[in-house]
Amino acid sequence: MFVEKEVYTKLTPHENAHILRQIEANTVIDVNDLVSIHGEEWLYVTVPVYDSPSNMKGWIKRSQAIPYTKELTKKVQGDVYIAKGTPIYEVDQFKDINENAGDNKEVIVEASEVTINKVKMIEIRIIHIGSFSNSSVKDLEETITENGGNFGTIYDSLLSVCDWSIDNLYNDRIHHIHYLHSHIDGIDDSRVYSTSEKVPSRGFTHILRFYK
């Protein structure tokens, strides 16, 4: 089914029921059940959720969704599906993200399915080949400030959409910094952690995780 206009899922199939979450306009949803209450039909649906694996299901009115057709494909604002392990190459975009790429503008985008403690997610890595930031870990931590910082636009765009972290090689160590993190069991909760030994790195990397 397809939701054309912004709606909210409810805890129970009633007009005044507790609101669970917002469904953005032009979203494809899965229908799990249908009930009729006092002559009005309600759908129990599953919603694509990226910020956290909770409140994925809820009730909406049958009138708030329409059948999903091929003609509606171009309007969809949700998932992009690719085969597992498919390499994706992009070399002339990422104006905001690419500020650390230096003279080397080659960018590789890798996508894979990851499961951590039974939580499934799609992980996308944006790798700036051979490019690294000369900023210290402390400086990279402070790129997002109350005034926006260098990564402020990226942060605002990804907030409530996915997890976001970076890997950067500095002083022969790879340093990992979480900017947006959902605190899933099995994932290091530290704001920053670094490798204890020298390890190879292909380049400055942005890591995006979308929960399924």
N, C-alpha and C. Protein backbone atom coordinates (compact mmCIF):
# COMPACT_ATOMS: atom_id res chain seq x y z
N MET A 1 0.84 -1.19 0.00
CA MET A 1 0.00 0.00 0.00
C MET A 1 0.88 1.25 0.00
N PHE A 2 0.28 2.37 -0.37
CA PHE A 2 1.03 3.61 -0.55
C PHE A 2 0.34 4.74 0.21
N VAL A 3 1.13 5.50 0.98
CA VAL A 3 0.61 6.64 1.73
C VAL A 3 1.02 7.91 1.00
N GLU A 4 0.03 8.63 0.46
CA GLU A 4 0.32 9.84 -0.33
C GLU A 4 0.55 11.07 0.54
N LYS A 5 -0.16 11.16 1.67
CA LYS A 5 -0.05 12.32 2.54
C LYS A 5 0.40 11.88 3.93
N GLU A 6 1.07 12.77 4.62
CA GLU A 6 1.58 12.49 5.96
C GLU A 6 0.46 12.04 6.90
N VAL A 7 0.67 10.92 7.57
CA VAL A 7 -0.30 10.41 8.55
C VAL A 7 0.47 9.91 9.77
N TYR A 8 -0.28 9.50 10.80
CA TYR A 8 0.32 9.01 12.03
C TYR A 8 -0.26 7.63 12.36
N THR A 9 0.61 6.70 12.76
CA THR A 9 0.13 5.39 13.18
C THR A 9 -0.39 5.49 14.61
N LYS A 10 -1.40 4.67 14.92
CA LYS A 10 -2.01 4.65 16.24
C LYS A 10 -1.74 3.31 16.94
N LEU A 11 -1.77 3.35 18.26
CA LEU A 11 -1.53 2.15 19.05
C LEU A 11 -2.66 1.14 18.89
N THR A 12 -3.88 1.65 18.77
CA THR A 12 -5.07 0.81 18.56
C THR A 12 -5.91 1.42 17.45
N PRO A 13 -6.80 0.64 16.84
CA PRO A 13 -7.62 1.17 15.73
C PRO A 13 -8.80 2.02 16.21
N HIS A 14 -8.47 3.18 16.79
CA HIS A 14 -9.48 4.11 17.28
C HIS A 14 -9.02 5.54 17.02
N GLU A 15 -9.95 6.41 16.79
CA GLU A 15 -9.66 7.79 16.43
C GLU A 15 -8.79 8.48 17.48
N ASN A 16 -9.08 8.26 18.76
CA ASN A 16 -8.38 8.96 19.83
C ASN A 16 -7.26 8.15 20.47
N ALA A 17 -6.82 7.11 19.78
CA ALA A 17 -5.77 6.24 20.32
C ALA A 17 -4.42 6.97 20.35
N HIS A 18 -3.52 6.44 21.18
CA HIS A 18 -2.18 7.01 21.32
C HIS A 18 -1.44 6.97 19.99
N ILE A 19 -0.77 8.08 19.63
CA ILE A 19 0.00 8.15 18.40
C ILE A 19 1.38 7.51 18.60
N LEU A 20 1.79 6.66 17.65
CA LEU A 20 3.08 5.99 17.74
C LEU A 20 4.17 6.71 16.97
N ARG A 21 3.93 6.98 15.68
CA ARG A 21 4.94 7.65 14.88
C ARG A 21 4.34 8.24 13.62
N GLN A 22 5.09 9.08 12.98
CA GLN A 22 4.67 9.72 11.74
C GLN A 22 5.07 8.87 10.54
N ILE A 23 4.18 8.80 9.54
CA ILE A 23 4.52 8.21 8.25
C ILE A 23 4.65 9.37 7.27
N GLU A 24 5.82 9.51 6.68
CA GLU A 24 6.05 10.59 5.74
C GLU A 24 5.21 10.40 4.47
N ALA A 25 4.94 11.49 3.79
CA ALA A 25 4.21 11.42 2.52
C ALA A 25 5.00 10.60 1.51
N ASN A 26 4.27 9.90 0.64
CA ASN A 26 4.87 9.10 -0.44
C ASN A 26 5.72 7.96 0.10
N THR A 27 5.17 7.23 1.05
CA THR A 27 5.86 6.09 1.66
C THR A 27 5.12 4.79 1.33
N VAL A 28 5.89 3.76 1.01
CA VAL A 28 5.33 2.42 0.78
C VAL A 28 5.27 1.69 2.12
N ILE A 29 4.13 1.11 2.45
CA ILE A 29 3.97 0.40 3.72
C ILE A 29 3.50 -1.02 3.45
N ASP A 30 3.72 -1.89 4.42
CA ASP A 30 3.24 -3.27 4.37
C ASP A 30 1.99 -3.40 5.24
N VAL A 31 0.97 -4.10 4.74
CA VAL A 31 -0.27 -4.30 5.50
C VAL A 31 -0.25 -5.69 6.11
N ASN A 32 -0.44 -5.76 7.45
CA ASN A 32 -0.44 -7.02 8.17
C ASN A 32 -1.84 -7.52 8.50
N ASP A 33 -2.78 -6.59 8.63
CA ASP A 33 -4.12 -7.00 9.03
C ASP A 33 -5.11 -5.88 8.70
N LEU A 34 -6.39 -6.23 8.64
CA LEU A 34 -7.45 -5.27 8.39
C LEU A 34 -8.63 -5.60 9.30
N VAL A 35 -9.18 -4.57 9.96
CA VAL A 35 -10.35 -4.77 10.81
C VAL A 35 -11.38 -3.68 10.50
N SER A 36 -12.63 -3.96 10.82
CA SER A 36 -13.69 -2.98 10.65
C SER A 36 -14.30 -2.70 12.01
N ILE A 37 -14.29 -1.42 12.40
CA ILE A 37 -14.83 -1.01 13.70
C ILE A 37 -15.85 0.10 13.47
N HIS A 38 -17.09 -0.18 13.88
CA HIS A 38 -18.17 0.79 13.71
C HIS A 38 -18.26 1.27 12.27
N GLY A 39 -18.09 0.34 11.35
CA GLY A 39 -18.24 0.66 9.93
C GLY A 39 -17.04 1.30 9.28
N GLU A 40 -15.96 1.50 10.02
CA GLU A 40 -14.75 2.10 9.45
C GLU A 40 -13.62 1.08 9.44
N GLU A 41 -12.92 0.95 8.30
CA GLU A 41 -11.86 -0.02 8.18
C GLU A 41 -10.51 0.58 8.60
N TRP A 42 -9.73 -0.26 9.32
CA TRP A 42 -8.40 0.13 9.77
C TRP A 42 -7.39 -0.89 9.29
N LEU A 43 -6.18 -0.42 8.97
CA LEU A 43 -5.09 -1.30 8.54
C LEU A 43 -4.01 -1.34 9.62
N TYR A 44 -3.54 -2.55 9.92
CA TYR A 44 -2.38 -2.70 10.81
C TYR A 44 -1.16 -2.81 9.91
N VAL A 45 -0.28 -1.81 9.95
CA VAL A 45 0.77 -1.69 8.94
C VAL A 45 2.17 -1.72 9.56
N THR A 46 3.14 -2.06 8.72
CA THR A 46 4.56 -1.96 9.07
C THR A 46 5.16 -0.82 8.27
N VAL A 47 5.87 0.05 8.97
CA VAL A 47 6.42 1.26 8.37
C VAL A 47 7.93 1.14 8.26
N PRO A 48 8.57 1.61 7.16
CA PRO A 48 10.03 1.64 7.09
C PRO A 48 10.58 2.53 8.20
N VAL A 49 11.48 1.99 9.01
CA VAL A 49 12.03 2.74 10.13
C VAL A 49 13.55 2.71 10.03
N TYR A 50 14.20 3.89 10.12
CA TYR A 50 15.64 3.96 9.98
C TYR A 50 16.34 4.44 11.25
N ASP A 51 15.68 5.27 12.06
CA ASP A 51 16.36 5.84 13.21
C ASP A 51 16.50 4.85 14.35
N SER A 52 15.53 3.94 14.55
CA SER A 52 15.60 2.92 15.59
C SER A 52 14.59 1.83 15.26
N PRO A 53 14.92 0.58 15.64
CA PRO A 53 14.02 -0.53 15.32
C PRO A 53 12.85 -0.63 16.30
N SER A 54 12.08 0.43 16.47
CA SER A 54 10.94 0.43 17.38
C SER A 54 9.78 1.16 16.74
N ASN A 55 8.57 0.88 17.26
CA ASN A 55 7.36 1.52 16.73
C ASN A 55 7.24 1.36 15.22
N MET A 56 7.61 0.18 14.75
CA MET A 56 7.57 -0.08 13.31
C MET A 56 6.16 -0.39 12.82
N LYS A 57 5.26 -0.77 13.76
CA LYS A 57 3.91 -1.18 13.37
C LYS A 57 2.87 -0.32 14.09
N GLY A 58 1.74 -0.18 13.44
CA GLY A 58 0.66 0.58 14.06
C GLY A 58 -0.56 0.59 13.15
N TRP A 59 -1.63 1.27 13.59
CA TRP A 59 -2.90 1.29 12.86
C TRP A 59 -3.09 2.63 12.15
N ILE A 60 -3.58 2.56 10.92
CA ILE A 60 -4.02 3.75 10.20
C ILE A 60 -5.38 3.43 9.57
N LYS A 61 -6.11 4.46 9.19
CA LYS A 61 -7.39 4.24 8.53
C LYS A 61 -7.17 3.71 7.10
N ARG A 62 -8.08 2.86 6.67
CA ARG A 62 -7.99 2.32 5.31
C ARG A 62 -8.02 3.45 4.27
N SER A 63 -8.73 4.51 4.58
CA SER A 63 -8.86 5.64 3.65
C SER A 63 -7.57 6.44 3.52
N GLN A 64 -6.59 6.20 4.41
CA GLN A 64 -5.34 6.96 4.39
C GLN A 64 -4.27 6.32 3.50
N ALA A 65 -4.60 5.20 2.86
CA ALA A 65 -3.64 4.51 2.00
C ALA A 65 -4.33 4.07 0.72
N ILE A 66 -3.55 3.96 -0.34
CA ILE A 66 -4.08 3.51 -1.63
C ILE A 66 -3.21 2.37 -2.13
N PRO A 67 -3.73 1.55 -3.06
CA PRO A 67 -2.92 0.47 -3.61
C PRO A 67 -1.67 1.01 -4.29
N TYR A 68 -0.55 0.32 -4.08
CA TYR A 68 0.71 0.74 -4.69
C TYR A 68 0.79 0.20 -6.12
N THR A 69 1.02 1.09 -7.07
CA THR A 69 1.08 0.71 -8.48
C THR A 69 2.41 1.14 -9.09
N LYS A 70 2.68 0.64 -10.28
CA LYS A 70 3.92 0.98 -10.97
C LYS A 70 4.02 2.48 -11.23
N GLU A 71 2.88 3.11 -11.47
CA GLU A 71 2.86 4.55 -11.75
C GLU A 71 3.31 5.39 -10.55
N LEU A 72 3.21 4.81 -9.35
CA LEU A 72 3.58 5.56 -8.14
C LEU A 72 5.06 5.43 -7.80
N THR A 73 5.79 4.59 -8.52
CA THR A 73 7.19 4.31 -8.19
C THR A 73 8.03 5.58 -8.08
N LYS A 74 7.84 6.52 -9.02
CA LYS A 74 8.66 7.72 -9.05
C LYS A 74 8.38 8.66 -7.86
N LYS A 75 7.27 8.45 -7.18
CA LYS A 75 6.92 9.33 -6.06
C LYS A 75 7.46 8.82 -4.73
N VAL A 76 7.93 7.57 -4.72
CA VAL A 76 8.34 6.95 -3.46
C VAL A 76 9.52 7.70 -2.84
N GLN A 77 9.41 8.00 -1.53
CA GLN A 77 10.46 8.70 -0.81
C GLN A 77 11.19 7.78 0.16
N GLY A 78 11.04 6.48 -0.01
CA GLY A 78 11.61 5.54 0.95
C GLY A 78 12.83 4.82 0.45
N ASP A 79 12.80 3.48 0.56
CA ASP A 79 13.97 2.64 0.33
C ASP A 79 14.47 2.66 -1.11
N VAL A 80 15.77 2.45 -1.24
CA VAL A 80 16.39 2.15 -2.53
C VAL A 80 16.98 0.76 -2.40
N TYR A 81 16.53 -0.17 -3.24
CA TYR A 81 16.95 -1.56 -3.12
C TYR A 81 18.05 -1.88 -4.14
N ILE A 82 19.14 -2.51 -3.65
CA ILE A 82 20.18 -3.00 -4.53
C ILE A 82 20.58 -4.40 -4.07
N ALA A 83 21.17 -5.18 -4.96
CA ALA A 83 21.59 -6.53 -4.60
C ALA A 83 22.74 -6.47 -3.61
N LYS A 84 22.77 -7.43 -2.68
CA LYS A 84 23.81 -7.49 -1.67
C LYS A 84 25.18 -7.61 -2.34
N GLY A 85 26.13 -6.77 -1.89
CA GLY A 85 27.48 -6.84 -2.41
C GLY A 85 27.71 -6.07 -3.70
N THR A 86 26.66 -5.40 -4.21
CA THR A 86 26.80 -4.66 -5.46
C THR A 86 27.69 -3.43 -5.26
N PRO A 87 28.79 -3.31 -6.03
CA PRO A 87 29.62 -2.10 -5.93
C PRO A 87 28.94 -0.93 -6.62
N ILE A 88 29.02 0.25 -6.01
CA ILE A 88 28.45 1.47 -6.59
C ILE A 88 29.55 2.51 -6.64
N TYR A 89 29.71 3.18 -7.77
CA TYR A 89 30.77 4.15 -7.93
C TYR A 89 30.18 5.53 -8.20
N GLU A 90 30.71 6.52 -7.49
CA GLU A 90 30.27 7.90 -7.66
C GLU A 90 31.49 8.79 -7.52
N VAL A 91 31.73 9.66 -8.47
CA VAL A 91 32.97 10.43 -8.43
C VAL A 91 32.80 11.94 -8.55
N ASP A 92 31.59 12.42 -8.78
CA ASP A 92 31.48 13.86 -9.04
C ASP A 92 30.44 14.57 -8.18
N GLN A 93 30.00 13.92 -7.09
CA GLN A 93 29.03 14.55 -6.21
C GLN A 93 29.61 14.65 -4.80
N PHE A 94 28.73 14.61 -3.77
CA PHE A 94 29.12 14.67 -2.37
C PHE A 94 29.87 15.96 -2.03
N LYS A 95 29.31 17.09 -2.43
CA LYS A 95 29.98 18.37 -2.19
C LYS A 95 30.25 18.60 -0.71
N ASP A 96 29.24 18.34 0.14
CA ASP A 96 29.42 18.58 1.57
C ASP A 96 30.30 17.51 2.21
N ILE A 97 30.02 16.25 1.89
CA ILE A 97 30.74 15.15 2.53
C ILE A 97 32.19 15.10 2.04
N ASN A 98 32.45 15.56 0.84
CA ASN A 98 33.73 15.35 0.18
C ASN A 98 34.80 16.37 0.55
N GLU A 99 34.59 17.17 1.57
CA GLU A 99 35.52 18.26 1.85
C GLU A 99 36.89 17.76 2.28
N ASN A 100 36.99 16.49 2.71
CA ASN A 100 38.27 15.96 3.15
C ASN A 100 38.98 15.16 2.06
N ALA A 101 38.46 15.16 0.85
CA ALA A 101 39.00 14.29 -0.18
C ALA A 101 40.26 14.84 -0.84
N GLY A 102 40.58 16.13 -0.65
CA GLY A 102 41.78 16.69 -1.24
C GLY A 102 41.72 16.65 -2.76
N ASP A 103 42.90 16.40 -3.38
CA ASP A 103 42.96 16.38 -4.84
C ASP A 103 42.38 15.09 -5.42
N ASN A 104 42.34 14.05 -4.62
CA ASN A 104 41.82 12.77 -5.10
C ASN A 104 40.30 12.75 -4.94
N LYS A 105 39.57 12.79 -6.04
CA LYS A 105 38.12 12.87 -5.99
C LYS A 105 37.44 11.52 -6.21
N GLU A 106 38.23 10.44 -6.24
CA GLU A 106 37.61 9.13 -6.44
C GLU A 106 36.87 8.71 -5.18
N VAL A 107 35.61 8.39 -5.34
CA VAL A 107 34.77 7.96 -4.23
C VAL A 107 34.14 6.62 -4.57
N ILE A 108 34.21 5.68 -3.65
CA ILE A 108 33.57 4.38 -3.83
C ILE A 108 32.46 4.26 -2.79
N VAL A 109 31.29 3.80 -3.22
CA VAL A 109 30.17 3.56 -2.31
C VAL A 109 29.90 2.06 -2.27
N GLU A 110 29.97 1.47 -1.08
CA GLU A 110 29.75 0.04 -0.91
C GLU A 110 28.52 -0.17 -0.04
N ALA A 111 27.68 -1.12 -0.41
CA ALA A 111 26.48 -1.43 0.37
C ALA A 111 26.48 -2.90 0.72
N SER A 112 26.08 -3.22 1.95
CA SER A 112 26.00 -4.61 2.38
C SER A 112 24.96 -4.74 3.47
N GLU A 113 24.46 -5.96 3.66
CA GLU A 113 23.51 -6.23 4.74
C GLU A 113 24.29 -6.71 5.95
N VAL A 114 24.00 -6.11 7.11
CA VAL A 114 24.70 -6.42 8.35
C VAL A 114 23.68 -6.84 9.39
N THR A 115 24.00 -7.87 10.17
CA THR A 115 23.15 -8.29 11.28
C THR A 115 23.97 -8.30 12.56
N ILE A 116 23.52 -7.54 13.55
CA ILE A 116 24.19 -7.47 14.84
C ILE A 116 23.17 -7.78 15.93
N ASN A 117 23.38 -8.88 16.65
CA ASN A 117 22.44 -9.30 17.69
C ASN A 117 21.00 -9.34 17.17
N LYS A 118 20.83 -9.97 16.01
CA LYS A 118 19.53 -10.18 15.37
C LYS A 118 18.89 -8.91 14.82
N VAL A 119 19.59 -7.79 14.91
CA VAL A 119 19.10 -6.53 14.33
C VAL A 119 19.68 -6.40 12.93
N LYS A 120 18.81 -6.39 11.92
CA LYS A 120 19.27 -6.30 10.54
C LYS A 120 19.33 -4.86 10.08
N MET A 121 20.36 -4.56 9.32
CA MET A 121 20.52 -3.20 8.82
C MET A 121 21.27 -3.23 7.49
N ILE A 122 21.09 -2.18 6.72
CA ILE A 122 21.85 -1.98 5.50
C ILE A 122 22.97 -0.98 5.82
N GLU A 123 24.20 -1.40 5.57
CA GLU A 123 25.34 -0.52 5.84
C GLU A 123 25.90 0.00 4.53
N ILE A 124 26.02 1.32 4.44
CA ILE A 124 26.59 1.97 3.26
C ILE A 124 27.87 2.68 3.68
N ARG A 125 28.95 2.38 2.97
CA ARG A 125 30.24 3.01 3.24
C ARG A 125 30.62 3.90 2.06
N ILE A 126 30.88 5.16 2.35
CA ILE A 126 31.32 6.12 1.33
C ILE A 126 32.80 6.37 1.58
N ILE A 127 33.64 5.87 0.68
CA ILE A 127 35.09 5.85 0.91
C ILE A 127 35.79 6.79 -0.07
N HIS A 128 36.54 7.74 0.47
CA HIS A 128 37.32 8.67 -0.34
C HIS A 128 38.72 8.06 -0.50
N ILE A 129 38.95 7.42 -1.63
CA ILE A 129 40.15 6.63 -1.83
C ILE A 129 41.42 7.48 -1.70
N GLY A 130 42.31 7.04 -0.81
CA GLY A 130 43.61 7.69 -0.65
C GLY A 130 43.58 9.05 0.00
N SER A 131 42.43 9.47 0.52
CA SER A 131 42.32 10.79 1.15
C SER A 131 42.02 10.65 2.63
N PHE A 132 42.66 11.48 3.44
CA PHE A 132 42.48 11.43 4.89
C PHE A 132 42.44 12.86 5.44
N SER A 133 41.73 13.02 6.54
CA SER A 133 41.69 14.33 7.19
C SER A 133 42.91 14.50 8.07
N ASN A 134 43.50 15.69 8.04
CA ASN A 134 44.64 16.01 8.90
C ASN A 134 44.18 16.51 10.27
N SER A 135 42.87 16.56 10.48
CA SER A 135 42.33 17.03 11.75
C SER A 135 42.52 15.98 12.83
N SER A 136 42.76 16.41 14.05
CA SER A 136 42.88 15.48 15.17
C SER A 136 41.50 14.90 15.50
N VAL A 137 41.50 13.87 16.32
CA VAL A 137 40.23 13.27 16.74
C VAL A 137 39.36 14.31 17.44
N LYS A 138 39.98 15.12 18.31
CA LYS A 138 39.22 16.15 19.03
C LYS A 138 38.59 17.13 18.06
N ASP A 139 39.35 17.54 17.04
CA ASP A 139 38.82 18.49 16.06
C ASP A 139 37.65 17.87 15.28
N LEU A 140 37.79 16.59 14.92
CA LEU A 140 36.71 15.93 14.19
C LEU A 140 35.46 15.78 15.06
N GLU A 141 35.67 15.53 16.35
CA GLU A 141 34.52 15.46 17.26
C GLU A 141 33.76 16.77 17.30
N GLU A 142 34.49 17.87 17.19
CA GLU A 142 33.89 19.19 17.34
C GLU A 142 33.41 19.78 16.02
N THR A 143 33.45 18.97 14.94
CA THR A 143 32.95 19.48 13.66
C THR A 143 31.46 19.71 13.70
N ILE A 144 30.77 19.08 14.66
CA ILE A 144 29.35 19.34 14.86
C ILE A 144 29.20 20.10 16.17
N THR A 145 28.78 21.34 16.10
CA THR A 145 28.64 22.20 17.26
C THR A 145 27.25 22.80 17.28
N GLU A 146 26.98 23.58 18.29
CA GLU A 146 25.69 24.26 18.36
C GLU A 146 25.49 25.20 17.18
N ASN A 147 26.59 25.63 16.59
CA ASN A 147 26.50 26.54 15.44
C ASN A 147 26.53 25.82 14.11
N GLY A 148 26.50 24.49 14.16
CA GLY A 148 26.44 23.73 12.92
C GLY A 148 27.73 22.99 12.61
N GLY A 149 28.89 23.67 12.71
CA GLY A 149 30.14 23.02 12.42
C GLY A 149 30.24 22.63 10.95
N ASN A 150 31.38 22.05 10.58
CA ASN A 150 31.59 21.67 9.19
C ASN A 150 30.63 20.59 8.71
N PHE A 151 30.24 19.71 9.60
CA PHE A 151 29.35 18.61 9.24
C PHE A 151 27.91 18.88 9.66
N GLY A 152 27.61 20.12 10.05
CA GLY A 152 26.28 20.43 10.58
C GLY A 152 25.16 20.12 9.61
N THR A 153 25.36 20.44 8.34
CA THR A 153 24.33 20.19 7.33
C THR A 153 24.08 18.70 7.17
N ILE A 154 25.16 17.92 7.16
CA ILE A 154 25.02 16.47 7.05
C ILE A 154 24.28 15.92 8.26
N TYR A 155 24.66 16.39 9.44
CA TYR A 155 24.03 15.93 10.68
C TYR A 155 22.52 16.18 10.65
N ASP A 156 22.14 17.39 10.28
CA ASP A 156 20.72 17.75 10.24
C ASP A 156 19.96 16.89 9.22
N SER A 157 20.62 16.59 8.10
CA SER A 157 19.96 15.81 7.04
C SER A 157 19.76 14.35 7.44
N LEU A 158 20.69 13.80 8.24
CA LEU A 158 20.63 12.37 8.58
C LEU A 158 19.94 12.11 9.92
N LEU A 159 19.68 13.14 10.70
CA LEU A 159 19.04 12.97 12.00
C LEU A 159 17.69 12.29 11.84
N SER A 160 17.46 11.22 12.60
CA SER A 160 16.23 10.42 12.55
C SER A 160 16.07 9.66 11.23
N VAL A 161 17.14 9.57 10.46
CA VAL A 161 17.11 8.81 9.22
C VAL A 161 17.96 7.55 9.33
N CYS A 162 19.18 7.70 9.86
CA CYS A 162 20.08 6.55 9.96
C CYS A 162 21.17 6.86 10.98
N ASP A 163 21.97 5.82 11.32
CA ASP A 163 23.18 6.03 12.10
C ASP A 163 24.26 6.57 11.18
N TRP A 164 25.15 7.39 11.73
CA TRP A 164 26.23 7.96 10.92
C TRP A 164 27.51 8.02 11.75
N SER A 165 28.58 7.49 11.19
CA SER A 165 29.89 7.57 11.83
C SER A 165 30.96 7.71 10.76
N ILE A 166 32.18 7.99 11.19
CA ILE A 166 33.29 8.13 10.25
C ILE A 166 34.48 7.30 10.71
N ASP A 167 35.33 6.90 9.77
CA ASP A 167 36.64 6.31 10.04
C ASP A 167 37.68 7.20 9.39
N ASN A 168 38.74 7.53 10.14
CA ASN A 168 39.80 8.35 9.57
C ASN A 168 41.15 7.87 10.10
N LEU A 169 42.13 7.80 9.20
CA LEU A 169 43.49 7.41 9.58
C LEU A 169 44.25 8.66 10.02
N TYR A 170 44.75 8.63 11.27
CA TYR A 170 45.46 9.78 11.82
C TYR A 170 46.55 9.25 12.75
N ASN A 171 47.79 9.68 12.54
CA ASN A 171 48.92 9.18 13.33
C ASN A 171 49.00 7.65 13.32
N ASP A 172 48.79 7.08 12.14
CA ASP A 172 48.91 5.63 11.91
C ASP A 172 47.87 4.81 12.65
N ARG A 173 46.82 5.43 13.13
CA ARG A 173 45.72 4.71 13.80
C ARG A 173 44.40 5.09 13.12
N ILE A 174 43.49 4.13 13.02
CA ILE A 174 42.16 4.45 12.52
C ILE A 174 41.28 4.85 13.69
N HIS A 175 40.68 6.02 13.58
CA HIS A 175 39.82 6.54 14.65
C HIS A 175 38.37 6.53 14.14
N HIS A 176 37.48 5.97 14.95
CA HIS A 176 36.07 5.84 14.59
C HIS A 176 35.27 6.78 15.48
N ILE A 177 34.47 7.64 14.86
CA ILE A 177 33.67 8.62 15.62
C ILE A 177 32.20 8.45 15.27
N HIS A 178 31.36 8.24 16.30
CA HIS A 178 29.91 8.18 16.13
C HIS A 178 29.33 9.59 16.19
N TYR A 179 28.62 9.99 15.16
CA TYR A 179 27.88 11.25 15.21
C TYR A 179 26.40 11.00 15.49
N LEU A 180 25.83 9.96 14.90
CA LEU A 180 24.45 9.55 15.16
C LEU A 180 24.47 8.05 15.43
N HIS A 181 23.94 7.65 16.59
CA HIS A 181 24.09 6.26 17.02
C HIS A 181 22.86 5.81 17.77
N SER A 182 22.35 4.59 17.46
CA SER A 182 21.10 4.10 18.05
C SER A 182 21.30 3.23 19.28
N HIS A 183 22.55 3.00 19.69
CA HIS A 183 22.84 2.23 20.90
C HIS A 183 22.26 0.82 20.86
N ILE A 184 22.65 0.07 19.84
CA ILE A 184 22.23 -1.32 19.70
C ILE A 184 23.23 -2.22 20.40
N ASP A 185 22.75 -3.23 21.14
CA ASP A 185 23.65 -4.17 21.79
C ASP A 185 24.57 -4.81 20.76
N GLY A 186 25.86 -4.86 21.07
CA GLY A 186 26.81 -5.47 20.15
C GLY A 186 27.59 -4.44 19.35
N ILE A 187 27.18 -3.16 19.41
CA ILE A 187 27.90 -2.09 18.74
C ILE A 187 28.55 -1.22 19.81
N ASP A 188 29.83 -0.96 19.67
CA ASP A 188 30.55 -0.16 20.65
C ASP A 188 29.85 1.18 20.86
N ASP A 189 29.48 1.47 22.11
CA ASP A 189 28.74 2.69 22.42
C ASP A 189 29.63 3.91 22.61
N SER A 190 30.94 3.71 22.56
CA SER A 190 31.84 4.83 22.78
C SER A 190 31.65 5.89 21.70
N ARG A 191 31.73 7.13 22.10
CA ARG A 191 31.65 8.22 21.12
C ARG A 191 32.80 8.11 20.12
N VAL A 192 33.99 7.77 20.66
CA VAL A 192 35.18 7.62 19.83
C VAL A 192 35.92 6.37 20.26
N TYR A 193 36.38 5.58 19.31
CA TYR A 193 37.33 4.53 19.65
C TYR A 193 38.36 4.41 18.54
N SER A 194 39.55 3.95 18.91
CA SER A 194 40.66 3.93 17.96
C SER A 194 41.35 2.57 17.98
N THR A 195 41.95 2.20 16.86
CA THR A 195 42.70 0.96 16.80
C THR A 195 43.98 1.11 17.60
N SER A 196 44.42 0.02 18.24
CA SER A 196 45.63 0.06 19.06
C SER A 196 46.88 -0.22 18.24
N GLU A 197 46.69 -0.75 17.01
CA GLU A 197 47.82 -1.07 16.16
C GLU A 197 47.68 -0.38 14.81
N LYS A 198 48.79 -0.30 14.09
CA LYS A 198 48.76 0.26 12.75
C LYS A 198 47.96 -0.66 11.84
N VAL A 199 47.01 -0.11 11.13
CA VAL A 199 46.21 -0.91 10.21
C VAL A 199 46.04 -0.13 8.91
N PRO A 200 45.91 -0.85 7.79
CA PRO A 200 45.73 -0.14 6.51
C PRO A 200 44.34 0.47 6.40
N SER A 201 44.22 1.52 5.61
CA SER A 201 42.93 2.17 5.37
C SER A 201 42.89 2.65 3.93
N ARG A 202 41.75 2.47 3.28
CA ARG A 202 41.62 2.91 1.89
C ARG A 202 41.37 4.41 1.77
N GLY A 203 40.87 5.01 2.86
CA GLY A 203 40.61 6.44 2.81
C GLY A 203 39.57 6.86 3.84
N PHE A 204 39.35 8.16 3.94
CA PHE A 204 38.35 8.72 4.85
C PHE A 204 36.99 8.11 4.51
N THR A 205 36.29 7.59 5.52
CA THR A 205 35.07 6.81 5.27
C THR A 205 33.90 7.30 6.09
N HIS A 206 32.77 7.53 5.44
CA HIS A 206 31.50 7.77 6.12
C HIS A 206 30.73 6.45 6.14
N ILE A 207 30.17 6.10 7.29
CA ILE A 207 29.42 4.86 7.44
C ILE A 207 27.98 5.19 7.83
N LEU A 208 27.03 4.77 7.00
CA LEU A 208 25.61 5.00 7.25
C LEU A 208 24.94 3.65 7.47
N ARG A 209 24.15 3.54 8.54
CA ARG A 209 23.42 2.29 8.82
C ARG A 209 21.93 2.57 8.89
N PHE A 210 21.19 1.87 8.03
CA PHE A 210 19.73 2.00 7.94
C PHE A 210 19.12 0.72 8.51
N TYR A 211 18.28 0.82 9.52
CA TYR A 211 17.68 -0.35 10.15
C TYR A 211 16.50 -0.86 9.33
N LYS A 212 16.44 -2.20 9.17
CA LYS A 212 15.38 -2.79 8.35
C LYS A 212 14.14 -3.05 9.19
